Amino acid sequence: MTGERDTVRKTESETETITRKARRLEEARKRETTSAWYGLGMFGLVGWAVAVPVLAGIALGLWIDRRWPGEVSWTLTLLIVGAALGALNAWYWVQREGRGD
């Protein structure tokens, strides 16, 4: 009989420990911890999200203009397209981080 009581007490103790740890985890998730480093990281993410499509558009436009010269400046056209895609990409990342996904 004593062994059974020890097992019940031990089980209750383990249950309480698990419950306590689960509460702490839930409270930690609710707390927002945004620091200056987080803000700088977001600036970097948004910057790269815009810069990469713009540079890719410029590179592709230069290649097309050299390969097939014409009246239309593909460099300028694809720069604008890259800037638009970059802005959409940055908006997506800011929205995603704002929701906490």
C-alpha atoms as a PDB file:
ATOM      1  CA  MET A   1       0.000   0.000   0.000  1.00  0.00           C
ATOM      2  CA  THR A   2       2.795   2.427   0.768  1.00  0.00           C
ATOM      3  CA  GLY A   3       4.269   1.962  -2.700  1.00  0.00           C
ATOM      4  CA  GLU A   4       0.959   2.902  -4.303  1.00  0.00           C
ATOM      5  CA  ARG A   5       0.705   6.102  -2.238  1.00  0.00           C
ATOM      6  CA  ASP A   6       4.237   7.101  -3.194  1.00  0.00           C
ATOM      7  CA  THR A   7       3.353   6.521  -6.827  1.00  0.00           C
ATOM      8  CA  VAL A   8       0.191   8.655  -6.506  1.00  0.00           C
ATOM      9  CA  ARG A   9       2.137  11.434  -4.728  1.00  0.00           C
ATOM     10  CA  LYS A  10       4.890  11.260  -7.319  1.00  0.00           C
ATOM     11  CA  THR A  11       2.331  11.383 -10.140  1.00  0.00           C
ATOM     12  CA  GLU A  12       0.621  14.406  -8.607  1.00  0.00           C
ATOM     13  CA  SER A  13       3.979  16.085  -8.189  1.00  0.00           C
ATOM     14  CA  GLU A  14       4.873  15.407 -11.820  1.00  0.00           C
ATOM     15  CA  THR A  15       1.461  16.669 -12.930  1.00  0.00           C
ATOM     16  CA  GLU A  16       1.923  19.870 -10.945  1.00  0.00           C
ATOM     17  CA  THR A  17       5.390  20.337 -12.399  1.00  0.00           C
ATOM     18  CA  ILE A  18       4.124  19.865 -15.941  1.00  0.00           C
ATOM     19  CA  THR A  19       1.246  22.267 -15.304  1.00  0.00           C
ATOM     20  CA  ARG A  20       3.594  24.881 -13.841  1.00  0.00           C
ATOM     21  CA  LYS A  21       5.993  24.590 -16.768  1.00  0.00           C
ATOM     22  CA  ALA A  22       3.142  24.799 -19.276  1.00  0.00           C
ATOM     23  CA  ARG A  23       1.896  28.005 -17.630  1.00  0.00           C
ATOM     24  CA  ARG A  24       5.389  29.518 -17.722  1.00  0.00           C
ATOM     25  CA  LEU A  25       5.721  28.635 -21.398  1.00  0.00           C
ATOM     26  CA  GLU A  26       2.341  30.166 -22.180  1.00  0.00           C
ATOM     27  CA  GLU A  27       3.224  33.375 -20.304  1.00  0.00           C
ATOM     28  CA  ALA A  28       6.558  33.594 -22.117  1.00  0.00           C
ATOM     29  CA  ARG A  29       4.805  33.313 -25.473  1.00  0.00           C
ATOM     30  CA  LYS A  30       2.384  36.099 -24.551  1.00  0.00           C
ATOM     31  CA  ARG A  31       5.191  38.490 -23.570  1.00  0.00           C
ATOM     32  CA  GLU A  32       6.462  40.559 -26.442  1.00  0.00           C
ATOM     33  CA  THR A  33      10.211  40.836 -26.497  1.00  0.00           C
ATOM     34  CA  THR A  34      11.149  43.288 -29.199  1.00  0.00           C
ATOM     35  CA  SER A  35      14.573  44.768 -28.823  1.00  0.00           C
ATOM     36  CA  ALA A  36      16.704  47.150 -30.831  1.00  0.00           C
ATOM     37  CA  TRP A  37      18.360  44.152 -32.477  1.00  0.00           C
ATOM     38  CA  TYR A  38      14.969  42.904 -33.606  1.00  0.00           C
ATOM     39  CA  GLY A  39      14.256  46.298 -35.179  1.00  0.00           C
ATOM     40  CA  LEU A  40      17.625  46.365 -36.920  1.00  0.00           C
ATOM     41  CA  GLY A  41      17.015  42.857 -38.191  1.00  0.00           C
ATOM     42  CA  MET A  42      13.692  43.927 -39.659  1.00  0.00           C
ATOM     43  CA  PHE A  43      15.369  46.888 -41.384  1.00  0.00           C
ATOM     44  CA  GLY A  44      17.880  44.488 -42.915  1.00  0.00           C
ATOM     45  CA  LEU A  45      15.191  42.058 -43.988  1.00  0.00           C
ATOM     46  CA  VAL A  46      13.096  44.777 -45.611  1.00  0.00           C
ATOM     47  CA  GLY A  47      16.185  46.284 -47.242  1.00  0.00           C
ATOM     48  CA  TRP A  48      17.222  42.998 -48.827  1.00  0.00           C
ATOM     49  CA  ALA A  49      13.619  42.254 -49.785  1.00  0.00           C
ATOM     50  CA  VAL A  50      13.645  45.436 -51.889  1.00  0.00           C
ATOM     51  CA  ALA A  51      17.277  45.503 -53.041  1.00  0.00           C
ATOM     52  CA  VAL A  52      17.452  42.000 -54.510  1.00  0.00           C
ATOM     53  CA  PRO A  53      14.531  42.343 -56.959  1.00  0.00           C
ATOM     54  CA  VAL A  54      15.704  45.835 -57.984  1.00  0.00           C
ATOM     55  CA  LEU A  55      19.252  44.642 -58.699  1.00  0.00           C
ATOM     56  CA  ALA A  56      17.962  41.561 -60.503  1.00  0.00           C
ATOM     57  CA  GLY A  57      15.743  43.779 -62.671  1.00  0.00           C
ATOM     58  CA  ILE A  58      18.647  46.075 -63.499  1.00  0.00           C
ATOM     59  CA  ALA A  59      20.939  43.163 -64.378  1.00  0.00           C
ATOM     60  CA  LEU A  60      18.317  41.509 -66.573  1.00  0.00           C
ATOM     61  CA  GLY A  61      17.462  44.834 -68.224  1.00  0.00           C
ATOM     62  CA  LEU A  62      21.113  45.559 -69.025  1.00  0.00           C
ATOM     63  CA  TRP A  63      21.505  42.109 -70.521  1.00  0.00           C
ATOM     64  CA  ILE A  64      18.375  42.487 -72.686  1.00  0.00           C
ATOM     65  CA  ASP A  65      19.394  46.004 -73.806  1.00  0.00           C
ATOM     66  CA  ARG A  66      22.841  44.805 -74.864  1.00  0.00           C
ATOM     67  CA  ARG A  67      21.532  41.667 -76.521  1.00  0.00           C
ATOM     68  CA  TRP A  68      18.590  43.232 -78.393  1.00  0.00           C
ATOM     69  CA  PRO A  69      18.912  47.023 -78.582  1.00  0.00           C
ATOM     70  CA  GLY A  70      15.691  48.878 -79.246  1.00  0.00           C
ATOM     71  CA  GLU A  71      13.633  51.964 -78.505  1.00  0.00           C
ATOM     72  CA  VAL A  72      12.465  50.744 -75.112  1.00  0.00           C
ATOM     73  CA  SER A  73      14.903  50.829 -72.205  1.00  0.00           C
ATOM     74  CA  TRP A  74      14.491  47.431 -70.606  1.00  0.00           C
ATOM     75  CA  THR A  75      16.867  48.447 -67.826  1.00  0.00           C
ATOM     76  CA  LEU A  76      14.556  51.225 -66.673  1.00  0.00           C
ATOM     77  CA  THR A  77      11.429  49.135 -67.199  1.00  0.00           C
ATOM     78  CA  LEU A  78      12.730  46.173 -65.207  1.00  0.00           C
ATOM     79  CA  LEU A  79      14.124  48.488 -62.506  1.00  0.00           C
ATOM     80  CA  ILE A  80      10.592  49.773 -61.924  1.00  0.00           C
ATOM     81  CA  VAL A  81       9.162  46.241 -62.012  1.00  0.00           C
ATOM     82  CA  GLY A  82      11.840  45.116 -59.534  1.00  0.00           C
ATOM     83  CA  ALA A  83      11.057  48.048 -57.227  1.00  0.00           C
ATOM     84  CA  ALA A  84       7.354  47.178 -57.307  1.00  0.00           C
ATOM     85  CA  LEU A  85       8.042  43.506 -56.583  1.00  0.00           C
ATOM     86  CA  GLY A  86      10.462  44.505 -53.835  1.00  0.00           C
ATOM     87  CA  ALA A  87       7.854  46.759 -52.229  1.00  0.00           C
ATOM     88  CA  LEU A  88       5.299  43.941 -52.297  1.00  0.00           C
ATOM     89  CA  ASN A  89       7.862  41.545 -50.861  1.00  0.00           C
ATOM     90  CA  ALA A  90       8.752  43.994 -48.056  1.00  0.00           C
ATOM     91  CA  TRP A  91       5.066  44.558 -47.314  1.00  0.00           C
ATOM     92  CA  TYR A  92       4.551  40.803 -47.054  1.00  0.00           C
ATOM     93  CA  TRP A  93       7.423  40.366 -44.564  1.00  0.00           C
ATOM     94  CA  VAL A  94       6.337  43.324 -42.413  1.00  0.00           C
ATOM     95  CA  GLN A  95       2.755  42.034 -42.318  1.00  0.00           C
ATOM     96  CA  ARG A  96       3.939  38.519 -41.466  1.00  0.00           C
ATOM     97  CA  GLU A  97       6.166  39.723 -38.614  1.00  0.00           C
ATOM     98  CA  GLY A  98       3.409  42.024 -37.360  1.00  0.00           C
ATOM     99  CA  ARG A  99       1.037  39.064 -36.989  1.00  0.00           C
ATOM    100  CA  GLY A 100       3.637  37.039 -35.158  1.00  0.00           C
ATOM    101  CA  ASP A 101       3.675  34.082 -37.578  1.00  0.00           C
END
